[in-house]
Amino acid sequence: MTAARGYLDRAAAAGLLREAGGFGFVADRCDDPFTGRRQVLVEYCDPRLPASPDALAALRGALRADGEEADAVLLRAVGEVRLPAPWRPRLTYVRHDRTPRPPGAGVPSPAGLTVRPATPADDPRIRDWLAQAFRNAYPGQEVDPGHPGVTDVVDAPDRLSLIAEVRGEPVGHATVLVRQQDSVTDEEFAELVDTLVDDAGVRRAAVAALVDAAVRATEGHPLCGHVVHPYEPGAARGADGVLRALVAGDWSVDHCFWEIPW
């Protein structure tokens, strides 16, 4: 990851650009909006830092020396680099290869499966689906359709939602924020916030159709999605399985936020 010069200049001016083990990093407080977990986010670090155990230890020491009170540190690492225990993945961003499947390729589509753009009449259902997706990602958290994390997505001016239907009955959605910008690299991209399909019998085919529709609808921009890695072991294994399936298909790991207790 190459940080934009303007980003590093702004971080330096704010006193957030620092050094650990000879490598630069940018860190600030950023608490989890769903769990309330107190976090220090290392939004950027020199790409060589995660590969050095000594630099990782120096980074934690530098953050603790600030007198900050937190529950965890999150560090953004580029690509498929693996950090040593007790670091663990918390949020992995993946990037689509931008190749839509030709008609008839991939998972066979059941009769009557179609994808259409959402209308305002679909918003209540989309709010419910997003709330369910966040509950799945954050087990034990009470997330209702009025949660700020849901309303921020639904009310975003660049939101595009797609509805999967079987014989005219909605069974799931894909919701994309089409004009996002990476604060570190300044790259513009489209973010696939969520795909969720209620009907298990058509889930694989419907998700594939929704992703293909999202690829076509966001042509000209990188399409990124994410996988949240829950703390509960069973849910964490499920998330790991989802990530492996994505990477085995049309996605690659762009970057991952790794977590370690304070």
C-alpha atoms as a PDB file:
ATOM      1  CA  MET A   1       0.000   0.000   0.000  1.00  0.00           C
ATOM      2  CA  THR A   2       1.351   3.386  -0.993  1.00  0.00           C
ATOM      3  CA  ALA A   3      -0.018   6.173   1.178  1.00  0.00           C
ATOM      4  CA  ALA A   4      -0.975   9.377  -0.608  1.00  0.00           C
ATOM      5  CA  ARG A   5       1.407  12.234   0.079  1.00  0.00           C
ATOM      6  CA  GLY A   6      -1.469  14.432   1.187  1.00  0.00           C
ATOM      7  CA  TYR A   7      -2.581  11.809   3.703  1.00  0.00           C
ATOM      8  CA  LEU A   8       0.864  11.611   5.288  1.00  0.00           C
ATOM      9  CA  ASP A   9       1.163  15.399   5.331  1.00  0.00           C
ATOM     10  CA  ARG A  10      -2.182  15.736   7.118  1.00  0.00           C
ATOM     11  CA  ALA A  11      -1.261  13.007   9.597  1.00  0.00           C
ATOM     12  CA  ALA A  12       2.057  14.677  10.348  1.00  0.00           C
ATOM     13  CA  ALA A  13       0.381  18.062  10.850  1.00  0.00           C
ATOM     14  CA  ALA A  14      -2.044  16.460  13.336  1.00  0.00           C
ATOM     15  CA  GLY A  15       0.797  14.795  15.249  1.00  0.00           C
ATOM     16  CA  LEU A  16      -0.365  11.288  14.250  1.00  0.00           C
ATOM     17  CA  LEU A  17       2.599  10.234  12.074  1.00  0.00           C
ATOM     18  CA  ARG A  18       5.091   8.398  14.248  1.00  0.00           C
ATOM     19  CA  GLU A  19       7.795   5.721  14.131  1.00  0.00           C
ATOM     20  CA  ALA A  20       8.327   2.272  15.642  1.00  0.00           C
ATOM     21  CA  GLY A  21      11.296   0.032  14.945  1.00  0.00           C
ATOM     22  CA  GLY A  22      12.428   2.406  12.212  1.00  0.00           C
ATOM     23  CA  PHE A  23       9.088   2.253  10.362  1.00  0.00           C
ATOM     24  CA  GLY A  24       6.474   4.988  10.096  1.00  0.00           C
ATOM     25  CA  PHE A  25       2.875   4.558  11.194  1.00  0.00           C
ATOM     26  CA  VAL A  26      -0.287   6.621  11.723  1.00  0.00           C
ATOM     27  CA  ALA A  27      -2.519   5.855  14.711  1.00  0.00           C
ATOM     28  CA  ASP A  28      -5.488   7.432  16.470  1.00  0.00           C
ATOM     29  CA  ARG A  29      -8.420   6.427  18.677  1.00  0.00           C
ATOM     30  CA  CYS A  30     -11.329   4.852  16.778  1.00  0.00           C
ATOM     31  CA  ASP A  31     -13.903   2.942  18.846  1.00  0.00           C
ATOM     32  CA  ASP A  32     -16.057   0.189  17.338  1.00  0.00           C
ATOM     33  CA  PRO A  33     -19.496   1.663  16.469  1.00  0.00           C
ATOM     34  CA  PHE A  34     -21.287  -1.658  17.063  1.00  0.00           C
ATOM     35  CA  THR A  35     -19.608  -3.071  20.164  1.00  0.00           C
ATOM     36  CA  GLY A  36     -18.355   0.116  21.794  1.00  0.00           C
ATOM     37  CA  ARG A  37     -14.952  -1.582  22.087  1.00  0.00           C
ATOM     38  CA  ARG A  38     -12.244   1.012  22.796  1.00  0.00           C
ATOM     39  CA  GLN A  39      -9.689   0.816  20.017  1.00  0.00           C
ATOM     40  CA  VAL A  40      -6.557   2.490  18.762  1.00  0.00           C
ATOM     41  CA  LEU A  41      -6.487   2.221  14.976  1.00  0.00           C
ATOM     42  CA  VAL A  42      -3.173   2.048  13.142  1.00  0.00           C
ATOM     43  CA  GLU A  43      -4.692   3.256   9.889  1.00  0.00           C
ATOM     44  CA  TYR A  44      -1.388   3.177   8.049  1.00  0.00           C
ATOM     45  CA  CYS A  45       2.006   1.604   8.610  1.00  0.00           C
ATOM     46  CA  ASP A  46       5.060   1.087   6.468  1.00  0.00           C
ATOM     47  CA  PRO A  47       4.336  -2.185   4.583  1.00  0.00           C
ATOM     48  CA  ARG A  48       7.516  -3.689   6.076  1.00  0.00           C
ATOM     49  CA  LEU A  49       6.406  -3.187   9.688  1.00  0.00           C
ATOM     50  CA  PRO A  50       3.985  -6.170   9.996  1.00  0.00           C
ATOM     51  CA  ALA A  51       6.740  -8.578   8.917  1.00  0.00           C
ATOM     52  CA  SER A  52       8.996  -7.552  11.815  1.00  0.00           C
ATOM     53  CA  PRO A  53       8.146  -8.974  15.276  1.00  0.00           C
ATOM     54  CA  ASP A  54      10.474  -6.403  16.831  1.00  0.00           C
ATOM     55  CA  ALA A  55       8.699  -3.551  15.059  1.00  0.00           C
ATOM     56  CA  LEU A  56       5.279  -4.885  16.100  1.00  0.00           C
ATOM     57  CA  ALA A  57       6.449  -4.997  19.727  1.00  0.00           C
ATOM     58  CA  ALA A  58       7.887  -1.483  19.418  1.00  0.00           C
ATOM     59  CA  LEU A  59       4.591  -0.272  17.964  1.00  0.00           C
ATOM     60  CA  ARG A  60       2.587  -1.590  20.933  1.00  0.00           C
ATOM     61  CA  GLY A  61       5.112  -0.096  23.326  1.00  0.00           C
ATOM     62  CA  ALA A  62       4.882   3.299  21.659  1.00  0.00           C
ATOM     63  CA  LEU A  63       1.081   3.286  21.805  1.00  0.00           C
ATOM     64  CA  ARG A  64       0.967   2.238  25.456  1.00  0.00           C
ATOM     65  CA  ALA A  65       3.501   4.909  26.368  1.00  0.00           C
ATOM     66  CA  ASP A  66       0.933   7.543  25.352  1.00  0.00           C
ATOM     67  CA  GLY A  67      -1.145   6.748  28.443  1.00  0.00           C
ATOM     68  CA  GLU A  68      -4.166   5.935  26.266  1.00  0.00           C
ATOM     69  CA  GLU A  69      -6.783   3.608  27.755  1.00  0.00           C
ATOM     70  CA  ALA A  70      -8.108   1.111  25.233  1.00  0.00           C
ATOM     71  CA  ASP A  71      -9.218  -2.491  24.834  1.00  0.00           C
ATOM     72  CA  ALA A  72      -7.420  -3.310  21.610  1.00  0.00           C
ATOM     73  CA  VAL A  73      -5.150  -2.177  18.800  1.00  0.00           C
ATOM     74  CA  LEU A  74      -6.213  -2.548  15.168  1.00  0.00           C
ATOM     75  CA  LEU A  75      -3.522  -2.495  12.483  1.00  0.00           C
ATOM     76  CA  ARG A  76      -4.090  -2.301   8.730  1.00  0.00           C
ATOM     77  CA  ALA A  77      -1.817  -4.725   6.872  1.00  0.00           C
ATOM     78  CA  VAL A  78      -1.697  -4.960   3.087  1.00  0.00           C
ATOM     79  CA  GLY A  79      -2.400  -8.144   1.136  1.00  0.00           C
ATOM     80  CA  GLU A  80      -2.319 -11.631   2.600  1.00  0.00           C
ATOM     81  CA  VAL A  81       0.456 -10.993   5.139  1.00  0.00           C
ATOM     82  CA  ARG A  82      -0.116 -12.983   8.352  1.00  0.00           C
ATOM     83  CA  LEU A  83       0.647 -11.474  11.744  1.00  0.00           C
ATOM     84  CA  PRO A  84       1.883 -13.687  14.600  1.00  0.00           C
ATOM     85  CA  ALA A  85      -0.299 -14.612  17.573  1.00  0.00           C
ATOM     86  CA  PRO A  86      -1.757 -13.062  19.643  1.00  0.00           C
ATOM     87  CA  TRP A  87      -2.677 -10.842  16.678  1.00  0.00           C
ATOM     88  CA  ARG A  88      -5.890 -12.056  15.027  1.00  0.00           C
ATOM     89  CA  PRO A  89      -7.798 -10.920  11.905  1.00  0.00           C
ATOM     90  CA  ARG A  90     -10.778  -8.726  12.642  1.00  0.00           C
ATOM     91  CA  LEU A  91     -11.889  -7.273   9.283  1.00  0.00           C
ATOM     92  CA  THR A  92     -10.654  -8.395   5.860  1.00  0.00           C
ATOM     93  CA  TYR A  93     -11.265  -6.340   2.726  1.00  0.00           C
ATOM     94  CA  VAL A  94     -11.388  -8.200  -0.577  1.00  0.00           C
ATOM     95  CA  ARG A  95     -11.254  -6.898  -4.149  1.00  0.00           C
ATOM     96  CA  HIS A  96     -13.198  -8.355  -7.085  1.00  0.00           C
ATOM     97  CA  ASP A  97     -11.319  -9.107 -10.296  1.00  0.00           C
ATOM     98  CA  ARG A  98     -14.045  -7.148 -12.174  1.00  0.00           C
ATOM     99  CA  THR A  99     -14.845 -10.006 -14.554  1.00  0.00           C
ATOM    100  CA  PRO A 100     -18.615 -10.551 -14.716  1.00  0.00           C
ATOM    101  CA  ARG A 101     -19.612 -14.139 -15.457  1.00  0.00           C
ATOM    102  CA  PRO A 102     -21.109 -14.760 -18.889  1.00  0.00           C
ATOM    103  CA  PRO A 103     -24.769 -15.836 -18.915  1.00  0.00           C
ATOM    104  CA  GLY A 104     -25.116 -19.461 -17.894  1.00  0.00           C
ATOM    105  CA  ALA A 105     -21.671 -19.707 -16.274  1.00  0.00           C
ATOM    106  CA  GLY A 106     -21.027 -20.579 -12.632  1.00  0.00           C
ATOM    107  CA  VAL A 107     -23.843 -21.613 -10.309  1.00  0.00           C
ATOM    108  CA  PRO A 108     -26.978 -22.726 -12.210  1.00  0.00           C
ATOM    109  CA  SER A 109     -29.837 -20.260 -11.750  1.00  0.00           C
ATOM    110  CA  PRO A 110     -33.198 -21.626 -10.652  1.00  0.00           C
ATOM    111  CA  ALA A 111     -36.203 -20.819 -12.772  1.00  0.00           C
ATOM    112  CA  GLY A 112     -37.622 -17.387 -12.096  1.00  0.00           C
ATOM    113  CA  LEU A 113     -34.488 -15.860 -10.496  1.00  0.00           C
ATOM    114  CA  THR A 114     -34.007 -12.230 -11.519  1.00  0.00           C
ATOM    115  CA  VAL A 115     -32.154  -9.175 -10.198  1.00  0.00           C
ATOM    116  CA  ARG A 116     -33.509  -5.641 -10.398  1.00  0.00           C
ATOM    117  CA  PRO A 117     -32.595  -2.212  -9.005  1.00  0.00           C
ATOM    118  CA  ALA A 118     -34.262  -1.431  -5.686  1.00  0.00           C
ATOM    119  CA  THR A 119     -36.985   1.182  -5.393  1.00  0.00           C
ATOM    120  CA  PRO A 120     -37.890   3.305  -2.338  1.00  0.00           C
ATOM    121  CA  ALA A 121     -40.598   0.759  -1.546  1.00  0.00           C
ATOM    122  CA  ASP A 122     -37.824  -1.778  -0.875  1.00  0.00           C
ATOM    123  CA  ASP A 123     -36.124   0.353   1.804  1.00  0.00           C
ATOM    124  CA  PRO A 124     -37.857  -1.226   4.852  1.00  0.00           C
ATOM    125  CA  ARG A 125     -36.851  -4.685   3.687  1.00  0.00           C
ATOM    126  CA  ILE A 126     -33.278  -3.495   2.961  1.00  0.00           C
ATOM    127  CA  ARG A 127     -33.050  -2.018   6.459  1.00  0.00           C
ATOM    128  CA  ASP A 128     -34.091  -5.369   7.908  1.00  0.00           C
ATOM    129  CA  TRP A 129     -31.533  -7.244   5.813  1.00  0.00           C
ATOM    130  CA  LEU A 130     -28.729  -4.857   6.784  1.00  0.00           C
ATOM    131  CA  ALA A 131     -29.647  -5.131  10.471  1.00  0.00           C
ATOM    132  CA  GLN A 132     -29.540  -8.921  10.187  1.00  0.00           C
ATOM    133  CA  ALA A 133     -26.166  -8.772   8.444  1.00  0.00           C
ATOM    134  CA  PHE A 134     -24.706  -6.631  11.227  1.00  0.00           C
ATOM    135  CA  ARG A 135     -26.139  -8.971  13.870  1.00  0.00           C
ATOM    136  CA  ASN A 136     -24.481 -11.871  12.044  1.00  0.00           C
ATOM    137  CA  ALA A 137     -21.162 -10.012  11.997  1.00  0.00           C
ATOM    138  CA  TYR A 138     -21.393  -8.912  15.636  1.00  0.00           C
ATOM    139  CA  PRO A 139     -23.008 -11.813  17.540  1.00  0.00           C
ATOM    140  CA  GLY A 140     -24.726 -10.756  20.747  1.00  0.00           C
ATOM    141  CA  GLN A 141     -25.179  -7.133  19.676  1.00  0.00           C
ATOM    142  CA  GLU A 142     -28.674  -5.688  19.487  1.00  0.00           C
ATOM    143  CA  VAL A 143     -28.812  -4.109  16.036  1.00  0.00           C
ATOM    144  CA  ASP A 144     -32.226  -2.989  14.843  1.00  0.00           C
ATOM    145  CA  PRO A 145     -33.174  -1.347  11.524  1.00  0.00           C
ATOM    146  CA  GLY A 146     -32.838   2.084  13.146  1.00  0.00           C
ATOM    147  CA  HIS A 147     -29.225   1.564  14.240  1.00  0.00           C
ATOM    148  CA  PRO A 148     -26.918   4.355  12.976  1.00  0.00           C
ATOM    149  CA  GLY A 149     -24.788   1.772  11.181  1.00  0.00           C
ATOM    150  CA  VAL A 150     -27.864   0.789   9.148  1.00  0.00           C
ATOM    151  CA  THR A 151     -29.285   4.255   8.548  1.00  0.00           C
ATOM    152  CA  ASP A 152     -25.883   5.603   7.492  1.00  0.00           C
ATOM    153  CA  VAL A 153     -25.839   3.052   4.676  1.00  0.00           C
ATOM    154  CA  VAL A 154     -29.480   3.404   3.630  1.00  0.00           C
ATOM    155  CA  ASP A 155     -29.325   7.210   3.632  1.00  0.00           C
ATOM    156  CA  ALA A 156     -25.965   7.452   1.840  1.00  0.00           C
ATOM    157  CA  PRO A 157     -26.328   9.499  -1.368  1.00  0.00           C
ATOM    158  CA  ASP A 158     -24.225   7.000  -3.327  1.00  0.00           C
ATOM    159  CA  ARG A 159     -26.107   3.893  -2.197  1.00  0.00           C
ATOM    160  CA  LEU A 160     -27.161   1.415  -4.877  1.00  0.00           C
ATOM    161  CA  SER A 161     -29.255  -1.556  -3.791  1.00  0.00           C
ATOM    162  CA  LEU A 162     -30.134  -4.536  -5.971  1.00  0.00           C
ATOM    163  CA  ILE A 163     -32.960  -6.960  -5.252  1.00  0.00           C
ATOM    164  CA  ALA A 164     -32.945 -10.661  -6.080  1.00  0.00           C
ATOM    165  CA  GLU A 165     -36.391 -12.100  -6.765  1.00  0.00           C
ATOM    166  CA  VAL A 166     -37.731 -15.569  -7.464  1.00  0.00           C
ATOM    167  CA  ARG A 167     -40.908 -15.405  -9.524  1.00  0.00           C
ATOM    168  CA  GLY A 168     -41.418 -11.823  -8.416  1.00  0.00           C
ATOM    169  CA  GLU A 169     -40.879 -12.447  -4.681  1.00  0.00           C
ATOM    170  CA  PRO A 170     -37.878 -10.640  -3.113  1.00  0.00           C
ATOM    171  CA  VAL A 171     -35.457 -13.095  -1.490  1.00  0.00           C
ATOM    172  CA  GLY A 172     -32.344 -10.986  -0.915  1.00  0.00           C
ATOM    173  CA  HIS A 173     -30.298  -7.930  -1.742  1.00  0.00           C
ATOM    174  CA  ALA A 174     -26.883  -6.507  -2.515  1.00  0.00           C
ATOM    175  CA  THR A 175     -26.152  -2.990  -1.326  1.00  0.00           C
ATOM    176  CA  VAL A 176     -23.233  -1.005  -2.736  1.00  0.00           C
ATOM    177  CA  LEU A 177     -21.797   2.408  -1.914  1.00  0.00           C
ATOM    178  CA  VAL A 178     -20.549   3.348  -5.356  1.00  0.00           C
ATOM    179  CA  ARG A 179     -18.442   6.463  -4.689  1.00  0.00           C
ATOM    180  CA  GLN A 180     -16.128   5.710  -1.780  1.00  0.00           C
ATOM    181  CA  GLN A 181     -12.541   6.868  -1.294  1.00  0.00           C
ATOM    182  CA  ASP A 182      -9.728   5.184   0.599  1.00  0.00           C
ATOM    183  CA  SER A 183      -8.531   7.815   3.068  1.00  0.00           C
ATOM    184  CA  VAL A 184      -4.967   6.441   3.012  1.00  0.00           C
ATOM    185  CA  THR A 185      -4.366   5.884  -0.710  1.00  0.00           C
ATOM    186  CA  ASP A 186      -6.964   8.345  -2.088  1.00  0.00           C
ATOM    187  CA  GLU A 187      -8.172   5.552  -4.409  1.00  0.00           C
ATOM    188  CA  GLU A 188     -11.836   5.745  -5.397  1.00  0.00           C
ATOM    189  CA  PHE A 189     -13.736   2.478  -5.174  1.00  0.00           C
ATOM    190  CA  ALA A 190     -17.205   0.942  -4.850  1.00  0.00           C
ATOM    191  CA  GLU A 191     -17.907  -0.916  -1.601  1.00  0.00           C
ATOM    192  CA  LEU A 192     -20.185  -3.945  -1.574  1.00  0.00           C
ATOM    193  CA  VAL A 193     -21.508  -3.410   1.946  1.00  0.00           C
ATOM    194  CA  ASP A 194     -23.672  -6.513   2.120  1.00  0.00           C
ATOM    195  CA  THR A 195     -25.252  -9.372   0.233  1.00  0.00           C
ATOM    196  CA  LEU A 196     -27.882 -11.384   2.067  1.00  0.00           C
ATOM    197  CA  VAL A 197     -30.347 -13.934   0.717  1.00  0.00           C
ATOM    198  CA  ASP A 198     -33.056 -15.395   2.957  1.00  0.00           C
ATOM    199  CA  ASP A 199     -33.962 -18.450   0.881  1.00  0.00           C
ATOM    200  CA  ALA A 200     -31.298 -21.111   1.453  1.00  0.00           C
ATOM    201  CA  GLY A 201     -32.505 -23.058  -1.568  1.00  0.00           C
ATOM    202  CA  VAL A 202     -31.479 -20.322  -3.995  1.00  0.00           C
ATOM    203  CA  ARG A 203     -28.802 -18.619  -1.892  1.00  0.00           C
ATOM    204  CA  ARG A 204     -25.697 -19.530  -3.897  1.00  0.00           C
ATOM    205  CA  ALA A 205     -27.277 -18.694  -7.234  1.00  0.00           C
ATOM    206  CA  ALA A 206     -28.880 -15.495  -5.967  1.00  0.00           C
ATOM    207  CA  VAL A 207     -25.667 -14.228  -4.363  1.00  0.00           C
ATOM    208  CA  ALA A 208     -23.754 -14.963  -7.576  1.00  0.00           C
ATOM    209  CA  ALA A 209     -26.366 -13.080  -9.627  1.00  0.00           C
ATOM    210  CA  LEU A 210     -26.327 -10.136  -7.222  1.00  0.00           C
ATOM    211  CA  VAL A 211     -22.526  -9.892  -7.302  1.00  0.00           C
ATOM    212  CA  ASP A 212     -22.496 -10.059 -11.102  1.00  0.00           C
ATOM    213  CA  ALA A 213     -25.080  -7.264 -11.206  1.00  0.00           C
ATOM    214  CA  ALA A 214     -22.975  -5.197  -8.790  1.00  0.00           C
ATOM    215  CA  VAL A 215     -19.878  -5.720 -10.952  1.00  0.00           C
ATOM    216  CA  ARG A 216     -21.723  -4.453 -14.006  1.00  0.00           C
ATOM    217  CA  ALA A 217     -23.322  -1.528 -12.150  1.00  0.00           C
ATOM    218  CA  THR A 218     -19.981  -0.248 -10.835  1.00  0.00           C
ATOM    219  CA  GLU A 219     -17.934  -0.576 -14.017  1.00  0.00           C
ATOM    220  CA  GLY A 220     -14.897   1.692 -13.974  1.00  0.00           C
ATOM    221  CA  HIS A 221     -14.283   1.414 -10.225  1.00  0.00           C
ATOM    222  CA  PRO A 222     -12.650  -1.278  -8.105  1.00  0.00           C
ATOM    223  CA  LEU A 223     -15.327  -3.292  -6.304  1.00  0.00           C
ATOM    224  CA  CYS A 224     -14.422  -4.168  -2.721  1.00  0.00           C
ATOM    225  CA  GLY A 225     -16.224  -6.177  -0.078  1.00  0.00           C
ATOM    226  CA  HIS A 226     -15.352  -7.244   3.431  1.00  0.00           C
ATOM    227  CA  VAL A 227     -15.544 -10.133   5.870  1.00  0.00           C
ATOM    228  CA  VAL A 228     -15.914  -9.513   9.612  1.00  0.00           C
ATOM    229  CA  HIS A 229     -14.152 -12.089  11.797  1.00  0.00           C
ATOM    230  CA  PRO A 230     -16.277 -12.544  14.963  1.00  0.00           C
ATOM    231  CA  TYR A 231     -14.778 -13.447  18.333  1.00  0.00           C
ATOM    232  CA  GLU A 232     -16.979 -16.503  18.987  1.00  0.00           C
ATOM    233  CA  PRO A 233     -15.056 -19.549  17.693  1.00  0.00           C
ATOM    234  CA  GLY A 234     -17.881 -21.085  15.669  1.00  0.00           C
ATOM    235  CA  ALA A 235     -18.766 -17.802  13.995  1.00  0.00           C
ATOM    236  CA  ALA A 236     -15.074 -17.093  13.390  1.00  0.00           C
ATOM    237  CA  ARG A 237     -14.657 -20.432  11.609  1.00  0.00           C
ATOM    238  CA  GLY A 238     -17.671 -19.605   9.470  1.00  0.00           C
ATOM    239  CA  ALA A 239     -16.159 -16.251   8.490  1.00  0.00           C
ATOM    240  CA  ASP A 240     -12.855 -17.936   7.636  1.00  0.00           C
ATOM    241  CA  GLY A 241     -14.761 -20.339   5.384  1.00  0.00           C
ATOM    242  CA  VAL A 242     -16.498 -17.463   3.614  1.00  0.00           C
ATOM    243  CA  LEU A 243     -13.153 -15.728   3.048  1.00  0.00           C
ATOM    244  CA  ARG A 244     -11.540 -18.894   1.667  1.00  0.00           C
ATOM    245  CA  ALA A 245     -14.446 -19.348  -0.752  1.00  0.00           C
ATOM    246  CA  LEU A 246     -14.183 -15.747  -1.949  1.00  0.00           C
ATOM    247  CA  VAL A 247     -10.435 -15.962  -2.528  1.00  0.00           C
ATOM    248  CA  ALA A 248     -10.869 -19.296  -4.332  1.00  0.00           C
ATOM    249  CA  GLY A 249     -13.272 -17.518  -6.687  1.00  0.00           C
ATOM    250  CA  ASP A 250     -13.250 -14.005  -8.096  1.00  0.00           C
ATOM    251  CA  TRP A 251     -11.823 -12.088  -5.115  1.00  0.00           C
ATOM    252  CA  SER A 252      -8.390 -11.401  -3.645  1.00  0.00           C
ATOM    253  CA  VAL A 253      -7.373 -10.002  -0.266  1.00  0.00           C
ATOM    254  CA  ASP A 254      -6.703  -6.266  -0.494  1.00  0.00           C
ATOM    255  CA  HIS A 255      -5.916  -5.572   3.163  1.00  0.00           C
ATOM    256  CA  CYS A 256      -6.825  -6.785   6.619  1.00  0.00           C
ATOM    257  CA  PHE A 257      -7.275  -5.090   9.982  1.00  0.00           C
ATOM    258  CA  TRP A 258      -5.522  -7.231  12.583  1.00  0.00           C
ATOM    259  CA  GLU A 259      -6.397  -6.937  16.262  1.00  0.00           C
ATOM    260  CA  ILE A 260      -4.446  -7.505  19.464  1.00  0.00           C
ATOM    261  CA  PRO A 261      -5.531  -6.884  23.071  1.00  0.00           C
ATOM    262  CA  TRP A 262      -4.208  -3.691  24.587  1.00  0.00           C
END
